[in-house]
Amino acid sequence: MAIYVNECEEHGRFEVVRPMAAAAAPVWCATCGVVARRVPSAPRIVTRGQGAWTAALDHAQKSRFEPEVVRSLPVAGDMRPARMATLTPALCGLPRP
């Protein structure tokens, strides 16, 4: 079920709850009976509780105005240098990066 916003020229806006399959069907004003036009509106996204997505959005919104202060560099896994392949005659012919 979806909520659609309609507007009667005389009585203003009102909401109608109906299935998405019936979105194109005409809607009449409950007060005067005139066909009301559908008004575009922003979608309503309902979330249940404080999920990871909601927490990430809240954190991003907060950091727009209050950036976090970084006191140390992030830990980056294994800090050992990468192993180099031993130079063999087969590898000597390859182009160098």
PDB file of N, CA and C in Angstrom:
ATOM      1  N   MET A   1       0.837  -1.171   0.000  1.00  0.00           N
ATOM      2  CA  MET A   1       0.000   0.000   0.000  1.00  0.00           C
ATOM      3  C   MET A   1       0.888   1.242   0.000  1.00  0.00           C
ATOM      4  N   ALA A   2       0.434   2.239  -0.703  1.00  0.00           N
ATOM      5  CA  ALA A   2       1.176   3.486  -0.803  1.00  0.00           C
ATOM      6  C   ALA A   2       0.280   4.652  -0.411  1.00  0.00           C
ATOM      7  N   ILE A   3       0.906   5.739   0.005  1.00  0.00           N
ATOM      8  CA  ILE A   3       0.169   6.947   0.367  1.00  0.00           C
ATOM      9  C   ILE A   3       0.363   7.954  -0.764  1.00  0.00           C
ATOM     10  N   TYR A   4      -0.737   8.418  -1.332  1.00  0.00           N
ATOM     11  CA  TYR A   4      -0.705   9.393  -2.415  1.00  0.00           C
ATOM     12  C   TYR A   4      -1.319  10.704  -1.919  1.00  0.00           C
ATOM     13  N   VAL A   5      -0.697  11.816  -2.322  1.00  0.00           N
ATOM     14  CA  VAL A   5      -1.204  13.140  -1.954  1.00  0.00           C
ATOM     15  C   VAL A   5      -1.991  13.673  -3.136  1.00  0.00           C
ATOM     16  N   ASN A   6      -3.236  14.073  -2.876  1.00  0.00           N
ATOM     17  CA  ASN A   6      -4.103  14.658  -3.891  1.00  0.00           C
ATOM     18  C   ASN A   6      -4.536  16.040  -3.426  1.00  0.00           C
ATOM     19  N   GLU A   7      -4.970  16.857  -4.386  1.00  0.00           N
ATOM     20  CA  GLU A   7      -5.361  18.215  -4.036  1.00  0.00           C
ATOM     21  C   GLU A   7      -6.669  18.587  -4.717  1.00  0.00           C
ATOM     22  N   CYS A   8      -7.619  19.040  -3.909  1.00  0.00           N
ATOM     23  CA  CYS A   8      -8.874  19.583  -4.403  1.00  0.00           C
ATOM     24  C   CYS A   8      -8.681  21.094  -4.476  1.00  0.00           C
ATOM     25  N   GLU A   9      -9.131  21.714  -5.559  1.00  0.00           N
ATOM     26  CA  GLU A   9      -8.942  23.156  -5.709  1.00  0.00           C
ATOM     27  C   GLU A   9      -9.656  23.943  -4.619  1.00  0.00           C
ATOM     28  N   GLU A  10     -10.754  23.416  -4.120  1.00  0.00           N
ATOM     29  CA  GLU A  10     -11.526  24.141  -3.118  1.00  0.00           C
ATOM     30  C   GLU A  10     -11.147  23.784  -1.690  1.00  0.00           C
ATOM     31  N   HIS A  11     -10.837  22.492  -1.422  1.00  0.00           N
ATOM     32  CA  HIS A  11     -10.625  22.041  -0.048  1.00  0.00           C
ATOM     33  C   HIS A  11      -9.176  21.715   0.287  1.00  0.00           C
ATOM     34  N   GLY A  12      -8.258  21.881  -0.624  1.00  0.00           N
ATOM     35  CA  GLY A  12      -6.839  21.670  -0.322  1.00  0.00           C
ATOM     36  C   GLY A  12      -6.381  20.232  -0.480  1.00  0.00           C
ATOM     37  N   ARG A  13      -5.247  19.941   0.140  1.00  0.00           N
ATOM     38  CA  ARG A  13      -4.589  18.630  -0.002  1.00  0.00           C
ATOM     39  C   ARG A  13      -5.135  17.605   0.984  1.00  0.00           C
ATOM     40  N   PHE A  14      -5.105  16.347   0.538  1.00  0.00           N
ATOM     41  CA  PHE A  14      -5.466  15.226   1.399  1.00  0.00           C
ATOM     42  C   PHE A  14      -4.721  13.995   0.908  1.00  0.00           C
ATOM     43  N   GLU A  15      -4.571  13.010   1.787  1.00  0.00           N
ATOM     44  CA  GLU A  15      -3.840  11.786   1.466  1.00  0.00           C
ATOM     45  C   GLU A  15      -4.803  10.633   1.254  1.00  0.00           C
ATOM     46  N   VAL A  16      -4.426   9.745   0.329  1.00  0.00           N
ATOM     47  CA  VAL A  16      -5.214   8.561   0.035  1.00  0.00           C
ATOM     48  C   VAL A  16      -4.282   7.356   0.106  1.00  0.00           C
ATOM     49  N   VAL A  17      -4.699   6.318   0.818  1.00  0.00           N
ATOM     50  CA  VAL A  17      -3.928   5.076   0.904  1.00  0.00           C
ATOM     51  C   VAL A  17      -4.578   4.076  -0.038  1.00  0.00           C
ATOM     52  N   ARG A  18      -3.774   3.571  -0.990  1.00  0.00           N
ATOM     53  CA  ARG A  18      -4.295   2.603  -1.960  1.00  0.00           C
ATOM     54  C   ARG A  18      -3.132   1.776  -2.510  1.00  0.00           C
ATOM     55  N   PRO A  19      -3.427   0.640  -3.146  1.00  0.00           N
ATOM     56  CA  PRO A  19      -2.359  -0.175  -3.732  1.00  0.00           C
ATOM     57  C   PRO A  19      -1.691   0.567  -4.890  1.00  0.00           C
ATOM     58  N   MET A  20      -0.450   0.241  -5.157  1.00  0.00           N
ATOM     59  CA  MET A  20       0.286   0.873  -6.250  1.00  0.00           C
ATOM     60  C   MET A  20      -0.357   0.592  -7.603  1.00  0.00           C
ATOM     61  N   ALA A  21      -1.012  -0.546  -7.736  1.00  0.00           N
ATOM     62  CA  ALA A  21      -1.670  -0.878  -8.993  1.00  0.00           C
ATOM     63  C   ALA A  21      -2.819   0.070  -9.294  1.00  0.00           C
ATOM     64  N   ALA A  22      -3.376   0.689  -8.273  1.00  0.00           N
ATOM     65  CA  ALA A  22      -4.500   1.609  -8.445  1.00  0.00           C
ATOM     66  C   ALA A  22      -4.064   3.075  -8.414  1.00  0.00           C
ATOM     67  N   ALA A  23      -2.796   3.341  -8.615  1.00  0.00           N
ATOM     68  CA  ALA A  23      -2.283   4.714  -8.518  1.00  0.00           C
ATOM     69  C   ALA A  23      -2.876   5.629  -9.575  1.00  0.00           C
ATOM     70  N   ALA A  24      -3.152   5.125 -10.766  1.00  0.00           N
ATOM     71  CA  ALA A  24      -3.646   5.967 -11.857  1.00  0.00           C
ATOM     72  C   ALA A  24      -5.156   6.213 -11.788  1.00  0.00           C
ATOM     73  N   ALA A  25      -5.851   5.483 -10.957  1.00  0.00           N
ATOM     74  CA  ALA A  25      -7.314   5.651 -10.859  1.00  0.00           C
ATOM     75  C   ALA A  25      -7.648   7.027 -10.286  1.00  0.00           C
ATOM     76  N   PRO A  26      -8.743   7.641 -10.744  1.00  0.00           N
ATOM     77  CA  PRO A  26      -9.101   8.972 -10.240  1.00  0.00           C
ATOM     78  C   PRO A  26      -9.511   8.939  -8.770  1.00  0.00           C
ATOM     79  N   VAL A  27      -9.289  10.050  -8.088  1.00  0.00           N
ATOM     80  CA  VAL A  27      -9.641  10.191  -6.677  1.00  0.00           C
ATOM     81  C   VAL A  27     -10.570  11.395  -6.558  1.00  0.00           C
ATOM     82  N   TRP A  28     -11.659  11.235  -5.810  1.00  0.00           N
ATOM     83  CA  TRP A  28     -12.620  12.315  -5.626  1.00  0.00           C
ATOM     84  C   TRP A  28     -12.474  12.915  -4.239  1.00  0.00           C
ATOM     85  N   CYS A  29     -12.687  14.191  -4.134  1.00  0.00           N
ATOM     86  CA  CYS A  29     -12.663  14.886  -2.846  1.00  0.00           C
ATOM     87  C   CYS A  29     -13.832  14.371  -2.001  1.00  0.00           C
ATOM     88  N   ALA A  30     -13.559  14.057  -0.750  1.00  0.00           N
ATOM     89  CA  ALA A  30     -14.599  13.529   0.132  1.00  0.00           C
ATOM     90  C   ALA A  30     -15.637  14.590   0.496  1.00  0.00           C
ATOM     91  N   THR A  31     -15.281  15.854   0.400  1.00  0.00           N
ATOM     92  CA  THR A  31     -16.195  16.927   0.780  1.00  0.00           C
ATOM     93  C   THR A  31     -17.111  17.340  -0.361  1.00  0.00           C
ATOM     94  N   CYS A  32     -16.512  17.609  -1.550  1.00  0.00           N
ATOM     95  CA  CYS A  32     -17.331  18.146  -2.644  1.00  0.00           C
ATOM     96  C   CYS A  32     -17.563  17.157  -3.784  1.00  0.00           C
ATOM     97  N   GLY A  33     -16.801  16.052  -3.840  1.00  0.00           N
ATOM     98  CA  GLY A  33     -16.995  15.048  -4.872  1.00  0.00           C
ATOM     99  C   GLY A  33     -16.351  15.355  -6.210  1.00  0.00           C
ATOM    100  N   VAL A  34     -15.542  16.399  -6.293  1.00  0.00           N
ATOM    101  CA  VAL A  34     -14.842  16.757  -7.531  1.00  0.00           C
ATOM    102  C   VAL A  34     -13.562  15.915  -7.636  1.00  0.00           C
ATOM    103  N   VAL A  35     -13.207  15.551  -8.868  1.00  0.00           N
ATOM    104  CA  VAL A  35     -11.972  14.777  -9.066  1.00  0.00           C
ATOM    105  C   VAL A  35     -10.783  15.641  -8.666  1.00  0.00           C
ATOM    106  N   ALA A  36      -9.935  15.113  -7.784  1.00  0.00           N
ATOM    107  CA  ALA A  36      -8.757  15.830  -7.296  1.00  0.00           C
ATOM    108  C   ALA A  36      -7.529  15.398  -8.086  1.00  0.00           C
ATOM    109  N   ARG A  37      -6.652  16.346  -8.318  1.00  0.00           N
ATOM    110  CA  ARG A  37      -5.424  16.011  -9.050  1.00  0.00           C
ATOM    111  C   ARG A  37      -4.374  15.487  -8.077  1.00  0.00           C
ATOM    112  N   ARG A  38      -3.522  14.597  -8.597  1.00  0.00           N
ATOM    113  CA  ARG A  38      -2.459  14.026  -7.782  1.00  0.00           C
ATOM    114  C   ARG A  38      -1.281  14.986  -7.731  1.00  0.00           C
ATOM    115  N   VAL A  39      -0.707  15.162  -6.543  1.00  0.00           N
ATOM    116  CA  VAL A  39       0.412  16.074  -6.330  1.00  0.00           C
ATOM    117  C   VAL A  39       1.679  15.260  -6.094  1.00  0.00           C
ATOM    118  N   PRO A  40       2.770  15.564  -6.813  1.00  0.00           N
ATOM    119  CA  PRO A  40       4.023  14.845  -6.563  1.00  0.00           C
ATOM    120  C   PRO A  40       4.521  15.138  -5.144  1.00  0.00           C
ATOM    121  N   SER A  41       5.020  14.124  -4.485  1.00  0.00           N
ATOM    122  CA  SER A  41       5.537  14.306  -3.128  1.00  0.00           C
ATOM    123  C   SER A  41       6.777  13.449  -2.935  1.00  0.00           C
ATOM    124  N   ALA A  42       7.556  13.784  -1.929  1.00  0.00           N
ATOM    125  CA  ALA A  42       8.771  13.037  -1.617  1.00  0.00           C
ATOM    126  C   ALA A  42       8.399  11.672  -1.042  1.00  0.00           C
ATOM    127  N   PRO A  43       9.161  10.630  -1.365  1.00  0.00           N
ATOM    128  CA  PRO A  43       8.853   9.315  -0.802  1.00  0.00           C
ATOM    129  C   PRO A  43       9.132   9.272   0.694  1.00  0.00           C
ATOM    130  N   ARG A  44       8.355   8.502   1.387  1.00  0.00           N
ATOM    131  CA  ARG A  44       8.558   8.321   2.823  1.00  0.00           C
ATOM    132  C   ARG A  44       9.246   6.985   3.031  1.00  0.00           C
ATOM    133  N   ILE A  45      10.420   7.029   3.614  1.00  0.00           N
ATOM    134  CA  ILE A  45      11.168   5.804   3.877  1.00  0.00           C
ATOM    135  C   ILE A  45      11.072   5.520   5.368  1.00  0.00           C
ATOM    136  N   VAL A  46      10.506   4.381   5.690  1.00  0.00           N
ATOM    137  CA  VAL A  46      10.315   4.006   7.089  1.00  0.00           C
ATOM    138  C   VAL A  46      11.359   2.962   7.451  1.00  0.00           C
ATOM    139  N   THR A  47      12.091   3.232   8.523  1.00  0.00           N
ATOM    140  CA  THR A  47      13.064   2.256   9.011  1.00  0.00           C
ATOM    141  C   THR A  47      12.642   1.807  10.394  1.00  0.00           C
ATOM    142  N   ARG A  48      12.982   0.616  10.721  1.00  0.00           N
ATOM    143  CA  ARG A  48      12.635   0.072  12.032  1.00  0.00           C
ATOM    144  C   ARG A  48      13.871   0.094  12.911  1.00  0.00           C
ATOM    145  N   GLY A  49      13.879   0.954  13.879  1.00  0.00           N
ATOM    146  CA  GLY A  49      14.974   1.012  14.831  1.00  0.00           C
ATOM    147  C   GLY A  49      16.201   1.712  14.270  1.00  0.00           C
ATOM    148  N   GLN A  50      17.285   1.631  15.005  1.00  0.00           N
ATOM    149  CA  GLN A  50      18.535   2.283  14.651  1.00  0.00           C
ATOM    150  C   GLN A  50      19.437   1.267  13.960  1.00  0.00           C
ATOM    151  N   GLY A  51      19.246   1.106  12.661  1.00  0.00           N
ATOM    152  CA  GLY A  51      20.053   0.167  11.909  1.00  0.00           C
ATOM    153  C   GLY A  51      21.389   0.763  11.525  1.00  0.00           C
ATOM    154  N   ALA A  52      22.214  -0.024  10.892  1.00  0.00           N
ATOM    155  CA  ALA A  52      23.538   0.434  10.472  1.00  0.00           C
ATOM    156  C   ALA A  52      23.423   1.553   9.445  1.00  0.00           C
ATOM    157  N   TRP A  53      22.436   1.449   8.542  1.00  0.00           N
ATOM    158  CA  TRP A  53      22.272   2.479   7.515  1.00  0.00           C
ATOM    159  C   TRP A  53      21.896   3.818   8.145  1.00  0.00           C
ATOM    160  N   THR A  54      20.951   3.795   9.085  1.00  0.00           N
ATOM    161  CA  THR A  54      20.532   5.013   9.757  1.00  0.00           C
ATOM    162  C   THR A  54      21.676   5.605  10.569  1.00  0.00           C
ATOM    163  N   ALA A  55      22.444   4.761  11.246  1.00  0.00           N
ATOM    164  CA  ALA A  55      23.582   5.243  12.029  1.00  0.00           C
ATOM    165  C   ALA A  55      24.633   5.885  11.121  1.00  0.00           C
ATOM    166  N   ALA A  56      24.867   5.291   9.950  1.00  0.00           N
ATOM    167  CA  ALA A  56      25.842   5.858   9.015  1.00  0.00           C
ATOM    168  C   ALA A  56      25.370   7.207   8.487  1.00  0.00           C
ATOM    169  N   LEU A  57      24.082   7.330   8.188  1.00  0.00           N
ATOM    170  CA  LEU A  57      23.541   8.614   7.726  1.00  0.00           C
ATOM    171  C   LEU A  57      23.635   9.681   8.815  1.00  0.00           C
ATOM    172  N   ASP A  58      23.326   9.303  10.045  1.00  0.00           N
ATOM    173  CA  ASP A  58      23.431  10.255  11.156  1.00  0.00           C
ATOM    174  C   ASP A  58      24.871  10.703  11.367  1.00  0.00           C
ATOM    175  N   HIS A  59      25.803   9.765  11.270  1.00  0.00           N
ATOM    176  CA  HIS A  59      27.223  10.086  11.438  1.00  0.00           C
ATOM    177  C   HIS A  59      27.698  11.020  10.322  1.00  0.00           C
ATOM    178  N   ALA A  60      27.279  10.751   9.089  1.00  0.00           N
ATOM    179  CA  ALA A  60      27.672  11.599   7.964  1.00  0.00           C
ATOM    180  C   ALA A  60      27.084  12.998   8.119  1.00  0.00           C
ATOM    181  N   GLN A  61      25.855  13.091   8.574  1.00  0.00           N
ATOM    182  CA  GLN A  61      25.226  14.401   8.768  1.00  0.00           C
ATOM    183  C   GLN A  61      25.945  15.185   9.859  1.00  0.00           C
ATOM    184  N   LYS A  62      26.296  14.517  10.949  1.00  0.00           N
ATOM    185  CA  LYS A  62      26.986  15.189  12.049  1.00  0.00           C
ATOM    186  C   LYS A  62      28.374  15.645  11.621  1.00  0.00           C
ATOM    187  N   SER A  63      29.081  14.828  10.845  1.00  0.00           N
ATOM    188  CA  SER A  63      30.450  15.167  10.464  1.00  0.00           C
ATOM    189  C   SER A  63      30.504  16.306   9.445  1.00  0.00           C
ATOM    190  N   ARG A  64      29.375  16.667   8.841  1.00  0.00           N
ATOM    191  CA  ARG A  64      29.363  17.816   7.927  1.00  0.00           C
ATOM    192  C   ARG A  64      29.665  19.102   8.676  1.00  0.00           C
ATOM    193  N   PHE A  65      29.194  19.206   9.910  1.00  0.00           N
ATOM    194  CA  PHE A  65      29.345  20.432  10.674  1.00  0.00           C
ATOM    195  C   PHE A  65      30.335  20.300  11.823  1.00  0.00           C
ATOM    196  N   GLU A  66      30.556  19.086  12.304  1.00  0.00           N
ATOM    197  CA  GLU A  66      31.489  18.850  13.400  1.00  0.00           C
ATOM    198  C   GLU A  66      32.450  17.734  13.008  1.00  0.00           C
ATOM    199  N   PRO A  67      33.488  18.036  12.198  1.00  0.00           N
ATOM    200  CA  PRO A  67      34.404  16.974  11.776  1.00  0.00           C
ATOM    201  C   PRO A  67      35.122  16.359  12.975  1.00  0.00           C
ATOM    202  N   GLU A  68      35.363  15.076  12.889  1.00  0.00           N
ATOM    203  CA  GLU A  68      36.076  14.393  13.961  1.00  0.00           C
ATOM    204  C   GLU A  68      37.555  14.760  13.922  1.00  0.00           C
ATOM    205  N   VAL A  69      38.175  14.876  15.095  1.00  0.00           N
ATOM    206  CA  VAL A  69      39.594  15.178  15.194  1.00  0.00           C
ATOM    207  C   VAL A  69      40.347  13.859  15.211  1.00  0.00           C
ATOM    208  N   VAL A  70      41.314  13.736  14.302  1.00  0.00           N
ATOM    209  CA  VAL A  70      42.111  12.519  14.218  1.00  0.00           C
ATOM    210  C   VAL A  70      43.370  12.717  15.038  1.00  0.00           C
ATOM    211  N   ARG A  71      43.618  11.829  15.988  1.00  0.00           N
ATOM    212  CA  ARG A  71      44.771  11.960  16.873  1.00  0.00           C
ATOM    213  C   ARG A  71      45.913  11.033  16.487  1.00  0.00           C
ATOM    214  N   SER A  72      45.639  10.036  15.644  1.00  0.00           N
ATOM    215  CA  SER A  72      46.700   9.122  15.220  1.00  0.00           C
ATOM    216  C   SER A  72      46.357   8.570  13.840  1.00  0.00           C
ATOM    217  N   LEU A  73      47.352   8.013  13.191  1.00  0.00           N
ATOM    218  CA  LEU A  73      47.135   7.414  11.885  1.00  0.00           C
ATOM    219  C   LEU A  73      46.390   6.094  12.035  1.00  0.00           C
ATOM    220  N   PRO A  74      45.564   5.734  11.078  1.00  0.00           N
ATOM    221  CA  PRO A  74      44.874   4.449  11.176  1.00  0.00           C
ATOM    222  C   PRO A  74      45.860   3.300  11.034  1.00  0.00           C
ATOM    223  N   VAL A  75      45.559   2.212  11.701  1.00  0.00           N
ATOM    224  CA  VAL A  75      46.397   1.021  11.626  1.00  0.00           C
ATOM    225  C   VAL A  75      46.124   0.337  10.296  1.00  0.00           C
ATOM    226  N   ALA A  76      47.191   0.064   9.561  1.00  0.00           N
ATOM    227  CA  ALA A  76      47.040  -0.527   8.240  1.00  0.00           C
ATOM    228  C   ALA A  76      47.643  -1.923   8.212  1.00  0.00           C
ATOM    229  N   GLY A  77      46.967  -2.891   8.703  1.00  0.00           N
ATOM    230  CA  GLY A  77      47.336  -4.304   8.599  1.00  0.00           C
ATOM    231  C   GLY A  77      48.824  -4.596   8.686  1.00  0.00           C
ATOM    232  N   ASP A  78      49.330  -5.321   7.718  1.00  0.00           N
ATOM    233  CA  ASP A  78      50.716  -5.780   7.690  1.00  0.00           C
ATOM    234  C   ASP A  78      51.597  -4.678   7.110  1.00  0.00           C
ATOM    235  N   MET A  79      52.566  -4.193   7.885  1.00  0.00           N
ATOM    236  CA  MET A  79      53.420  -3.093   7.454  1.00  0.00           C
ATOM    237  C   MET A  79      54.765  -3.571   6.895  1.00  0.00           C
ATOM    238  N   ARG A  80      54.934  -4.884   6.731  1.00  0.00           N
ATOM    239  CA  ARG A  80      56.193  -5.387   6.163  1.00  0.00           C
ATOM    240  C   ARG A  80      56.270  -5.042   4.686  1.00  0.00           C
ATOM    241  N   PRO A  81      57.478  -4.802   4.155  1.00  0.00           N
ATOM    242  CA  PRO A  81      57.590  -4.498   2.728  1.00  0.00           C
ATOM    243  C   PRO A  81      57.163  -5.694   1.879  1.00  0.00           C
ATOM    244  N   ALA A  82      56.666  -5.395   0.699  1.00  0.00           N
ATOM    245  CA  ALA A  82      56.213  -6.457  -0.198  1.00  0.00           C
ATOM    246  C   ALA A  82      57.398  -7.287  -0.673  1.00  0.00           C
ATOM    247  N   ARG A  83      57.167  -8.572  -0.840  1.00  0.00           N
ATOM    248  CA  ARG A  83      58.240  -9.461  -1.317  1.00  0.00           C
ATOM    249  C   ARG A  83      58.422  -9.257  -2.800  1.00  0.00           C
ATOM    250  N   MET A  84      59.649  -9.190  -3.221  1.00  0.00           N
ATOM    251  CA  MET A  84      59.972  -9.048  -4.633  1.00  0.00           C
ATOM    252  C   MET A  84      60.264 -10.436  -5.206  1.00  0.00           C
ATOM    253  N   ALA A  85      59.864 -10.633  -6.446  1.00  0.00           N
ATOM    254  CA  ALA A  85      60.159 -11.902  -7.114  1.00  0.00           C
ATOM    255  C   ALA A  85      61.647 -11.948  -7.443  1.00  0.00           C
ATOM    256  N   THR A  86      62.214 -13.127  -7.305  1.00  0.00           N
ATOM    257  CA  THR A  86      63.631 -13.254  -7.638  1.00  0.00           C
ATOM    258  C   THR A  86      63.791 -13.103  -9.141  1.00  0.00           C
ATOM    259  N   LEU A  87      64.854 -12.407  -9.533  1.00  0.00           N
ATOM    260  CA  LEU A  87      65.086 -12.119 -10.932  1.00  0.00           C
ATOM    261  C   LEU A  87      65.634 -13.360 -11.634  1.00  0.00           C
ATOM    262  N   THR A  88      64.879 -13.890 -12.544  1.00  0.00           N
ATOM    263  CA  THR A  88      65.277 -15.070 -13.323  1.00  0.00           C
ATOM    264  C   THR A  88      65.389 -14.637 -14.781  1.00  0.00           C
ATOM    265  N   PRO A  89      66.031 -15.439 -15.610  1.00  0.00           N
ATOM    266  CA  PRO A  89      66.156 -15.074 -17.021  1.00  0.00           C
ATOM    267  C   PRO A  89      64.788 -14.879 -17.692  1.00  0.00           C
ATOM    268  N   ALA A  90      63.774 -15.598 -17.264  1.00  0.00           N
ATOM    269  CA  ALA A  90      62.449 -15.448 -17.865  1.00  0.00           C
ATOM    270  C   ALA A  90      61.845 -14.089 -17.516  1.00  0.00           C
ATOM    271  N   LEU A  91      62.140 -13.582 -16.304  1.00  0.00           N
ATOM    272  CA  LEU A  91      61.592 -12.300 -15.876  1.00  0.00           C
ATOM    273  C   LEU A  91      62.395 -11.111 -16.406  1.00  0.00           C
ATOM    274  N   CYS A  92      63.614 -11.307 -16.843  1.00  0.00           N
ATOM    275  CA  CYS A  92      64.454 -10.214 -17.330  1.00  0.00           C
ATOM    276  C   CYS A  92      63.878  -9.573 -18.589  1.00  0.00           C
ATOM    277  N   GLY A  93      63.149 -10.312 -19.395  1.00  0.00           N
ATOM    278  CA  GLY A  93      62.604  -9.777 -20.633  1.00  0.00           C
ATOM    279  C   GLY A  93      61.322  -8.996 -20.462  1.00  0.00           C
ATOM    280  N   LEU A  94      60.738  -9.010 -19.276  1.00  0.00           N
ATOM    281  CA  LEU A  94      59.479  -8.290 -19.041  1.00  0.00           C
ATOM    282  C   LEU A  94      59.734  -6.797 -18.859  1.00  0.00           C
ATOM    283  N   PRO A  95      58.791  -5.945 -19.306  1.00  0.00           N
ATOM    284  CA  PRO A  95      58.979  -4.504 -19.094  1.00  0.00           C
ATOM    285  C   PRO A  95      58.875  -4.143 -17.622  1.00  0.00           C
ATOM    286  N   ARG A  96      59.595  -3.120 -17.218  1.00  0.00           N
ATOM    287  CA  ARG A  96      59.565  -2.664 -15.830  1.00  0.00           C
ATOM    288  C   ARG A  96      58.418  -1.669 -15.646  1.00  0.00           C
ATOM    289  N   PRO A  97      57.835  -1.655 -14.484  1.00  0.00           N
ATOM    290  CA  PRO A  97      56.736  -0.706 -14.247  1.00  0.00           C
ATOM    291  C   PRO A  97      57.241   0.724 -14.114  1.00  0.00           C
TER     292      PRO A  97
END
